[in-house]
Amino acid sequence: MRRVFRAGMVVVFLLPASVAAATFLAVMFRAAPRGAYRRCQAWLMRRWCRVIARLVGLRIQVRGEPWAQPVLVACNHKSWLDIIALGATLPGAFVSKGEIANWPLIGFFARSGGRTLFINRGELRSFQDLGGNLIGRLKDGERVIFFPEGTVSGDLALLRFKPRLFAAALAARCTVQPVALAYVGGDGAELAPMGLEESFGAHCVRFLGARRTEIVIDFLPPIEPGTENARTLARAVQEQVARSIMKLSHTH
């Protein structure tokens, strides 16, 4: 019963919110200065994520301090809920797999409110285009958030952090901030991580029955651009995230 109620509440919120946001952003795009338009996008995205977090019972605890823009935020990846939690916590554009652009309603906000950079995995041209766009966003002073594992890690602690997108931070001479994310409490903590081959719809059906899910987002010390290459930078970020996850697992 809880699954049906929550799913209904999410749809009731998302449908009118999507129409209203689409109309508002279309007007702002034509009439407002670029900076004002971006601030409106960021505000809408954070409000949307915060409401969704409440509706699905997500309780967010923040540790550390987000670094000022521009910054490339590198976080481990457990679930689509990670995007909701991070989006509710700080403004920034996400890097995401291309199929999310076609998800009902969520895809709309990813494209418009979230200004998401999409990548089609396995396509070299897609990686090349993304790299150029990412460098441009970072040089333009934006905060960009990505998941260097490339997919959800499920019940595993971490997958290897892929170095390719770290090269964009080096090219832009941009700071990288590692972020560790862990589901630590409530009856939804075990349901929140997605299976490695689980679909978005199947996970929603499974997860929405949870009463409460506690998540910790740990903003770790940033790494300034130096002489390291993308592989050593990816390894340094992964080591910080791994240490934080281990501490979080021992303290909850």
C-alpha atoms as a PDB file:
ATOM      1  CA  MET A   1       0.000   0.000   0.000  1.00  0.00           C
ATOM      2  CA  ARG A   2       2.842   2.389   0.831  1.00  0.00           C
ATOM      3  CA  ARG A   3       4.353   1.808  -2.610  1.00  0.00           C
ATOM      4  CA  VAL A   4       1.087   2.755  -4.333  1.00  0.00           C
ATOM      5  CA  PHE A   5       0.584   5.846  -2.156  1.00  0.00           C
ATOM      6  CA  ARG A   6       4.133   7.113  -2.648  1.00  0.00           C
ATOM      7  CA  ALA A   7       4.116   6.445  -6.367  1.00  0.00           C
ATOM      8  CA  GLY A   8       0.840   8.361  -6.614  1.00  0.00           C
ATOM      9  CA  MET A   9       2.203  11.291  -4.620  1.00  0.00           C
ATOM     10  CA  VAL A  10       5.327  11.474  -6.786  1.00  0.00           C
ATOM     11  CA  VAL A  11       3.276  11.478  -9.993  1.00  0.00           C
ATOM     12  CA  VAL A  12       0.807  14.045  -8.607  1.00  0.00           C
ATOM     13  CA  PHE A  13       3.731  16.320  -7.801  1.00  0.00           C
ATOM     14  CA  LEU A  14       5.794  15.712 -10.907  1.00  0.00           C
ATOM     15  CA  LEU A  15       3.145  16.198 -13.580  1.00  0.00           C
ATOM     16  CA  PRO A  16       2.054  19.760 -12.718  1.00  0.00           C
ATOM     17  CA  ALA A  17       5.583  20.673 -11.586  1.00  0.00           C
ATOM     18  CA  SER A  18       7.013  19.574 -14.932  1.00  0.00           C
ATOM     19  CA  VAL A  19       4.489  21.590 -16.931  1.00  0.00           C
ATOM     20  CA  ALA A  20       4.959  24.676 -14.748  1.00  0.00           C
ATOM     21  CA  ALA A  21       8.756  24.407 -14.824  1.00  0.00           C
ATOM     22  CA  ALA A  22       8.856  23.887 -18.587  1.00  0.00           C
ATOM     23  CA  THR A  23       6.724  26.987 -19.150  1.00  0.00           C
ATOM     24  CA  PHE A  24       8.692  29.090 -16.690  1.00  0.00           C
ATOM     25  CA  LEU A  25      12.095  28.081 -18.075  1.00  0.00           C
ATOM     26  CA  ALA A  26      10.953  28.696 -21.642  1.00  0.00           C
ATOM     27  CA  VAL A  27       9.961  32.252 -20.717  1.00  0.00           C
ATOM     28  CA  MET A  28      13.176  32.814 -18.745  1.00  0.00           C
ATOM     29  CA  PHE A  29      15.313  31.492 -21.601  1.00  0.00           C
ATOM     30  CA  ARG A  30      13.904  34.113 -23.964  1.00  0.00           C
ATOM     31  CA  ALA A  31      13.552  37.045 -21.586  1.00  0.00           C
ATOM     32  CA  ALA A  32      16.183  36.801 -18.835  1.00  0.00           C
ATOM     33  CA  PRO A  33      19.966  37.337 -18.869  1.00  0.00           C
ATOM     34  CA  ARG A  34      22.043  34.171 -18.989  1.00  0.00           C
ATOM     35  CA  GLY A  35      23.113  34.398 -15.341  1.00  0.00           C
ATOM     36  CA  ALA A  36      19.555  34.874 -14.079  1.00  0.00           C
ATOM     37  CA  TYR A  37      18.344  31.968 -16.226  1.00  0.00           C
ATOM     38  CA  ARG A  38      20.994  29.657 -14.779  1.00  0.00           C
ATOM     39  CA  ARG A  39      20.177  30.705 -11.212  1.00  0.00           C
ATOM     40  CA  CYS A  40      16.505  29.895 -11.858  1.00  0.00           C
ATOM     41  CA  GLN A  41      17.474  26.503 -13.272  1.00  0.00           C
ATOM     42  CA  ALA A  42      19.570  25.713 -10.208  1.00  0.00           C
ATOM     43  CA  TRP A  43      16.845  26.854  -7.807  1.00  0.00           C
ATOM     44  CA  LEU A  44      14.189  24.752  -9.533  1.00  0.00           C
ATOM     45  CA  MET A  45      16.412  21.681  -9.551  1.00  0.00           C
ATOM     46  CA  ARG A  46      17.178  21.924  -5.825  1.00  0.00           C
ATOM     47  CA  ARG A  47      13.525  22.483  -4.894  1.00  0.00           C
ATOM     48  CA  TRP A  48      12.439  19.582  -7.085  1.00  0.00           C
ATOM     49  CA  CYS A  49      15.023  17.243  -5.565  1.00  0.00           C
ATOM     50  CA  ARG A  50      14.150  18.282  -2.007  1.00  0.00           C
ATOM     51  CA  VAL A  51      10.462  17.592  -2.522  1.00  0.00           C
ATOM     52  CA  ILE A  52      11.179  14.204  -4.112  1.00  0.00           C
ATOM     53  CA  ALA A  53      13.504  13.349  -1.206  1.00  0.00           C
ATOM     54  CA  ARG A  54      10.713  14.041   1.280  1.00  0.00           C
ATOM     55  CA  LEU A  55       8.158  12.089  -0.721  1.00  0.00           C
ATOM     56  CA  VAL A  56      10.327   8.945  -0.837  1.00  0.00           C
ATOM     57  CA  GLY A  57      11.447   9.205   2.803  1.00  0.00           C
ATOM     58  CA  LEU A  58      15.050  10.207   2.139  1.00  0.00           C
ATOM     59  CA  ARG A  59      16.788  11.867   5.105  1.00  0.00           C
ATOM     60  CA  ILE A  60      20.046  13.576   4.136  1.00  0.00           C
ATOM     61  CA  GLN A  61      22.962  14.228   6.491  1.00  0.00           C
ATOM     62  CA  VAL A  62      25.839  16.363   5.175  1.00  0.00           C
ATOM     63  CA  ARG A  63      29.433  16.235   6.418  1.00  0.00           C
ATOM     64  CA  GLY A  64      32.243  18.515   5.336  1.00  0.00           C
ATOM     65  CA  GLU A  65      31.904  21.553   3.096  1.00  0.00           C
ATOM     66  CA  PRO A  66      31.199  21.716  -0.632  1.00  0.00           C
ATOM     67  CA  TRP A  67      34.006  23.505  -2.482  1.00  0.00           C
ATOM     68  CA  ALA A  68      33.269  26.765  -4.224  1.00  0.00           C
ATOM     69  CA  GLN A  69      32.836  26.795  -7.983  1.00  0.00           C
ATOM     70  CA  PRO A  70      34.334  25.903 -10.344  1.00  0.00           C
ATOM     71  CA  VAL A  71      34.829  22.332  -9.221  1.00  0.00           C
ATOM     72  CA  LEU A  72      34.474  18.803 -10.542  1.00  0.00           C
ATOM     73  CA  VAL A  73      32.679  16.702  -7.920  1.00  0.00           C
ATOM     74  CA  ALA A  74      33.480  12.978  -8.069  1.00  0.00           C
ATOM     75  CA  CYS A  75      31.134  10.728  -6.070  1.00  0.00           C
ATOM     76  CA  ASN A  76      30.590   6.997  -5.715  1.00  0.00           C
ATOM     77  CA  HIS A  77      27.333   5.710  -7.202  1.00  0.00           C
ATOM     78  CA  LYS A  78      24.734   3.430  -5.601  1.00  0.00           C
ATOM     79  CA  SER A  79      21.371   4.415  -7.036  1.00  0.00           C
ATOM     80  CA  TRP A  80      19.295   6.984  -8.896  1.00  0.00           C
ATOM     81  CA  LEU A  81      18.569   8.249  -5.380  1.00  0.00           C
ATOM     82  CA  ASP A  82      22.153   9.573  -5.297  1.00  0.00           C
ATOM     83  CA  ILE A  83      21.134  12.195  -7.858  1.00  0.00           C
ATOM     84  CA  ILE A  84      18.139  13.252  -5.769  1.00  0.00           C
ATOM     85  CA  ALA A  85      20.271  13.531  -2.613  1.00  0.00           C
ATOM     86  CA  LEU A  86      23.113  15.438  -4.295  1.00  0.00           C
ATOM     87  CA  GLY A  87      20.714  17.632  -6.245  1.00  0.00           C
ATOM     88  CA  ALA A  88      18.914  18.566  -3.026  1.00  0.00           C
ATOM     89  CA  THR A  89      22.216  19.417  -1.339  1.00  0.00           C
ATOM     90  CA  LEU A  90      24.138  21.573  -3.801  1.00  0.00           C
ATOM     91  CA  PRO A  91      23.639  23.226  -7.174  1.00  0.00           C
ATOM     92  CA  GLY A  92      25.495  21.740 -10.104  1.00  0.00           C
ATOM     93  CA  ALA A  93      25.186  20.030 -13.464  1.00  0.00           C
ATOM     94  CA  PHE A  94      25.373  16.228 -13.617  1.00  0.00           C
ATOM     95  CA  VAL A  95      27.108  13.911 -16.042  1.00  0.00           C
ATOM     96  CA  SER A  96      24.759  11.010 -16.744  1.00  0.00           C
ATOM     97  CA  LYS A  97      24.220   8.050 -19.046  1.00  0.00           C
ATOM     98  CA  GLY A  98      22.273   8.885 -22.170  1.00  0.00           C
ATOM     99  CA  GLU A  99      19.227   6.702 -21.494  1.00  0.00           C
ATOM    100  CA  ILE A 100      18.201   8.853 -18.517  1.00  0.00           C
ATOM    101  CA  ALA A 101      17.268  11.599 -20.998  1.00  0.00           C
ATOM    102  CA  ASN A 102      14.348   9.389 -22.057  1.00  0.00           C
ATOM    103  CA  TRP A 103      13.077   8.489 -18.574  1.00  0.00           C
ATOM    104  CA  PRO A 104       9.547   9.827 -17.928  1.00  0.00           C
ATOM    105  CA  LEU A 105       9.565  13.233 -16.145  1.00  0.00           C
ATOM    106  CA  ILE A 106      12.979  12.661 -14.576  1.00  0.00           C
ATOM    107  CA  GLY A 107      14.488  12.958 -18.033  1.00  0.00           C
ATOM    108  CA  PHE A 108      12.841  16.351 -18.468  1.00  0.00           C
ATOM    109  CA  PHE A 109      14.374  17.762 -15.315  1.00  0.00           C
ATOM    110  CA  ALA A 110      17.728  16.218 -16.125  1.00  0.00           C
ATOM    111  CA  ARG A 111      17.740  17.979 -19.495  1.00  0.00           C
ATOM    112  CA  SER A 112      16.352  21.350 -18.426  1.00  0.00           C
ATOM    113  CA  GLY A 113      16.606  22.074 -14.712  1.00  0.00           C
ATOM    114  CA  GLY A 114      19.725  19.965 -14.230  1.00  0.00           C
ATOM    115  CA  ARG A 115      21.535  21.012 -17.448  1.00  0.00           C
ATOM    116  CA  THR A 116      22.807  17.434 -17.530  1.00  0.00           C
ATOM    117  CA  LEU A 117      25.696  16.385 -19.762  1.00  0.00           C
ATOM    118  CA  PHE A 118      24.737  13.052 -21.306  1.00  0.00           C
ATOM    119  CA  ILE A 119      27.081  10.333 -22.466  1.00  0.00           C
ATOM    120  CA  ASN A 120      26.385   7.252 -24.556  1.00  0.00           C
ATOM    121  CA  ARG A 121      28.602   4.562 -23.089  1.00  0.00           C
ATOM    122  CA  GLY A 122      30.808   2.742 -25.549  1.00  0.00           C
ATOM    123  CA  GLU A 123      30.727   5.531 -28.148  1.00  0.00           C
ATOM    124  CA  LEU A 124      34.091   7.253 -28.620  1.00  0.00           C
ATOM    125  CA  ARG A 125      32.540  10.328 -30.259  1.00  0.00           C
ATOM    126  CA  SER A 126      30.209  10.730 -27.273  1.00  0.00           C
ATOM    127  CA  PHE A 127      33.191  10.716 -24.891  1.00  0.00           C
ATOM    128  CA  GLN A 128      35.029  13.248 -27.056  1.00  0.00           C
ATOM    129  CA  ASP A 129      32.024  15.586 -27.192  1.00  0.00           C
ATOM    130  CA  LEU A 130      31.439  15.226 -23.465  1.00  0.00           C
ATOM    131  CA  GLY A 131      35.084  15.990 -22.681  1.00  0.00           C
ATOM    132  CA  GLY A 132      34.968  19.217 -24.656  1.00  0.00           C
ATOM    133  CA  ASN A 133      31.647  20.287 -23.136  1.00  0.00           C
ATOM    134  CA  LEU A 134      32.851  19.415 -19.634  1.00  0.00           C
ATOM    135  CA  ILE A 135      36.020  21.493 -20.017  1.00  0.00           C
ATOM    136  CA  GLY A 136      33.902  24.390 -21.252  1.00  0.00           C
ATOM    137  CA  ARG A 137      31.512  24.161 -18.300  1.00  0.00           C
ATOM    138  CA  LEU A 138      34.371  24.050 -15.781  1.00  0.00           C
ATOM    139  CA  LYS A 139      36.183  26.993 -17.372  1.00  0.00           C
ATOM    140  CA  ASP A 140      32.892  28.852 -17.342  1.00  0.00           C
ATOM    141  CA  GLY A 141      32.761  28.537 -13.551  1.00  0.00           C
ATOM    142  CA  GLU A 142      30.199  25.766 -13.145  1.00  0.00           C
ATOM    143  CA  ARG A 143      30.139  22.932 -10.640  1.00  0.00           C
ATOM    144  CA  VAL A 144      29.847  19.585 -12.431  1.00  0.00           C
ATOM    145  CA  ILE A 145      29.005  16.349 -10.600  1.00  0.00           C
ATOM    146  CA  PHE A 146      29.865  12.915 -11.980  1.00  0.00           C
ATOM    147  CA  PHE A 147      30.119   9.276 -10.933  1.00  0.00           C
ATOM    148  CA  PRO A 148      33.548   7.965 -11.977  1.00  0.00           C
ATOM    149  CA  GLU A 149      32.583   4.308 -11.499  1.00  0.00           C
ATOM    150  CA  GLY A 150      30.521   4.701 -14.668  1.00  0.00           C
ATOM    151  CA  THR A 151      27.591   2.693 -13.279  1.00  0.00           C
ATOM    152  CA  VAL A 152      26.027   1.766  -9.956  1.00  0.00           C
ATOM    153  CA  SER A 153      28.183  -0.432  -7.728  1.00  0.00           C
ATOM    154  CA  GLY A 154      25.229  -2.261  -6.142  1.00  0.00           C
ATOM    155  CA  ASP A 155      26.188  -4.097  -2.974  1.00  0.00           C
ATOM    156  CA  LEU A 156      29.900  -3.758  -3.746  1.00  0.00           C
ATOM    157  CA  ALA A 157      31.897  -1.167  -1.825  1.00  0.00           C
ATOM    158  CA  LEU A 158      33.354   0.528  -4.914  1.00  0.00           C
ATOM    159  CA  LEU A 159      34.113  -0.131  -8.543  1.00  0.00           C
ATOM    160  CA  ARG A 160      37.280   1.218 -10.132  1.00  0.00           C
ATOM    161  CA  PHE A 161      37.137   4.957 -10.796  1.00  0.00           C
ATOM    162  CA  LYS A 162      37.586   5.468 -14.521  1.00  0.00           C
ATOM    163  CA  PRO A 163      40.162   8.146 -15.344  1.00  0.00           C
ATOM    164  CA  ARG A 164      38.834   9.508 -18.619  1.00  0.00           C
ATOM    165  CA  LEU A 165      36.735  12.414 -17.305  1.00  0.00           C
ATOM    166  CA  PHE A 166      39.359  13.399 -14.740  1.00  0.00           C
ATOM    167  CA  ALA A 167      41.402  14.495 -17.735  1.00  0.00           C
ATOM    168  CA  ALA A 168      38.865  17.289 -18.287  1.00  0.00           C
ATOM    169  CA  ALA A 169      39.590  18.686 -14.817  1.00  0.00           C
ATOM    170  CA  LEU A 170      43.306  18.681 -15.571  1.00  0.00           C
ATOM    171  CA  ALA A 171      42.748  20.370 -18.931  1.00  0.00           C
ATOM    172  CA  ALA A 172      40.582  23.049 -17.293  1.00  0.00           C
ATOM    173  CA  ARG A 173      43.020  23.453 -14.366  1.00  0.00           C
ATOM    174  CA  CYS A 174      40.036  22.795 -12.130  1.00  0.00           C
ATOM    175  CA  THR A 175      39.817  21.568  -8.527  1.00  0.00           C
ATOM    176  CA  VAL A 176      38.381  18.074  -7.950  1.00  0.00           C
ATOM    177  CA  GLN A 177      36.374  17.347  -4.798  1.00  0.00           C
ATOM    178  CA  PRO A 178      35.898  13.700  -3.776  1.00  0.00           C
ATOM    179  CA  VAL A 179      32.508  12.930  -2.225  1.00  0.00           C
ATOM    180  CA  ALA A 180      31.548   9.738  -0.407  1.00  0.00           C
ATOM    181  CA  LEU A 181      27.920   8.716  -0.244  1.00  0.00           C
ATOM    182  CA  ALA A 182      26.491   5.958   1.962  1.00  0.00           C
ATOM    183  CA  TYR A 183      23.024   4.724   2.913  1.00  0.00           C
ATOM    184  CA  VAL A 184      23.391   4.190   6.633  1.00  0.00           C
ATOM    185  CA  GLY A 185      20.047   3.853   8.388  1.00  0.00           C
ATOM    186  CA  GLY A 186      16.324   3.269   8.229  1.00  0.00           C
ATOM    187  CA  ASP A 187      14.528   0.330   6.664  1.00  0.00           C
ATOM    188  CA  GLY A 188      15.390   1.669   3.202  1.00  0.00           C
ATOM    189  CA  ALA A 189      19.174   1.536   3.631  1.00  0.00           C
ATOM    190  CA  GLU A 190      19.385  -2.009   2.251  1.00  0.00           C
ATOM    191  CA  LEU A 191      16.844  -1.295  -0.494  1.00  0.00           C
ATOM    192  CA  ALA A 192      18.441   1.920  -1.788  1.00  0.00           C
ATOM    193  CA  PRO A 193      21.406   0.424  -3.717  1.00  0.00           C
ATOM    194  CA  MET A 194      20.369  -0.771  -7.166  1.00  0.00           C
ATOM    195  CA  GLY A 195      21.317  -4.164  -8.511  1.00  0.00           C
ATOM    196  CA  LEU A 196      23.990  -4.099 -11.204  1.00  0.00           C
ATOM    197  CA  GLU A 197      21.472  -5.081 -13.899  1.00  0.00           C
ATOM    198  CA  GLU A 198      18.331  -3.692 -12.245  1.00  0.00           C
ATOM    199  CA  SER A 199      16.130  -1.289 -14.175  1.00  0.00           C
ATOM    200  CA  PHE A 200      14.944   2.066 -12.864  1.00  0.00           C
ATOM    201  CA  GLY A 201      11.308   0.902 -12.792  1.00  0.00           C
ATOM    202  CA  ALA A 202      12.056  -2.354 -10.978  1.00  0.00           C
ATOM    203  CA  HIS A 203      14.097  -0.537  -8.355  1.00  0.00           C
ATOM    204  CA  CYS A 204      11.366   2.057  -7.794  1.00  0.00           C
ATOM    205  CA  VAL A 205       8.811  -0.671  -7.157  1.00  0.00           C
ATOM    206  CA  ARG A 206      11.172  -2.344  -4.702  1.00  0.00           C
ATOM    207  CA  PHE A 207      12.332   0.802  -2.926  1.00  0.00           C
ATOM    208  CA  LEU A 208       9.120   2.802  -2.509  1.00  0.00           C
ATOM    209  CA  GLY A 209       7.864   0.469   0.219  1.00  0.00           C
ATOM    210  CA  ALA A 210      10.540   1.739   2.622  1.00  0.00           C
ATOM    211  CA  ARG A 211       9.455   4.093   5.421  1.00  0.00           C
ATOM    212  CA  ARG A 212      12.716   5.991   5.889  1.00  0.00           C
ATOM    213  CA  THR A 213      16.172   5.989   4.359  1.00  0.00           C
ATOM    214  CA  GLU A 214      19.119   7.804   5.915  1.00  0.00           C
ATOM    215  CA  ILE A 215      21.961   8.860   3.645  1.00  0.00           C
ATOM    216  CA  VAL A 216      25.256  10.542   4.516  1.00  0.00           C
ATOM    217  CA  ILE A 217      27.021  12.763   1.971  1.00  0.00           C
ATOM    218  CA  ASP A 218      30.631  13.367   3.004  1.00  0.00           C
ATOM    219  CA  PHE A 219      32.395  16.254   1.213  1.00  0.00           C
ATOM    220  CA  LEU A 220      36.089  15.417   1.393  1.00  0.00           C
ATOM    221  CA  PRO A 221      39.186  17.634   1.076  1.00  0.00           C
ATOM    222  CA  PRO A 222      39.529  18.928  -2.490  1.00  0.00           C
ATOM    223  CA  ILE A 223      42.467  18.089  -4.708  1.00  0.00           C
ATOM    224  CA  GLU A 224      43.993  21.037  -6.536  1.00  0.00           C
ATOM    225  CA  PRO A 225      45.166  20.508 -10.119  1.00  0.00           C
ATOM    226  CA  GLY A 226      48.816  19.553 -10.247  1.00  0.00           C
ATOM    227  CA  THR A 227      51.206  17.608 -12.404  1.00  0.00           C
ATOM    228  CA  GLU A 228      49.467  14.244 -11.906  1.00  0.00           C
ATOM    229  CA  ASN A 229      47.891  12.501 -14.873  1.00  0.00           C
ATOM    230  CA  ALA A 230      44.262  11.395 -15.058  1.00  0.00           C
ATOM    231  CA  ARG A 231      44.995   7.884 -13.769  1.00  0.00           C
ATOM    232  CA  THR A 232      46.829   9.012 -10.654  1.00  0.00           C
ATOM    233  CA  LEU A 233      44.153  11.646 -10.006  1.00  0.00           C
ATOM    234  CA  ALA A 234      41.384   9.039 -10.309  1.00  0.00           C
ATOM    235  CA  ARG A 235      43.290   6.745  -7.944  1.00  0.00           C
ATOM    236  CA  ALA A 236      43.789   9.511  -5.366  1.00  0.00           C
ATOM    237  CA  VAL A 237      40.087  10.389  -5.432  1.00  0.00           C
ATOM    238  CA  GLN A 238      39.061   6.742  -5.103  1.00  0.00           C
ATOM    239  CA  GLU A 239      41.332   6.260  -2.099  1.00  0.00           C
ATOM    240  CA  GLN A 240      39.747   9.202  -0.286  1.00  0.00           C
ATOM    241  CA  VAL A 241      36.234   7.977  -1.043  1.00  0.00           C
ATOM    242  CA  ALA A 242      37.066   4.417   0.022  1.00  0.00           C
ATOM    243  CA  ARG A 243      38.456   5.590   3.385  1.00  0.00           C
ATOM    244  CA  SER A 244      35.363   7.668   4.051  1.00  0.00           C
ATOM    245  CA  ILE A 245      32.975   4.828   3.179  1.00  0.00           C
ATOM    246  CA  MET A 246      34.858   2.526   5.537  1.00  0.00           C
ATOM    247  CA  LYS A 247      34.546   5.063   8.382  1.00  0.00           C
ATOM    248  CA  LEU A 248      30.853   5.586   7.677  1.00  0.00           C
ATOM    249  CA  SER A 249      30.201   1.843   7.736  1.00  0.00           C
ATOM    250  CA  HIS A 250      31.914   1.544  11.129  1.00  0.00           C
ATOM    251  CA  THR A 251      30.108   4.474  12.739  1.00  0.00           C
ATOM    252  CA  HIS A 252      26.533   3.534  11.784  1.00  0.00           C
END
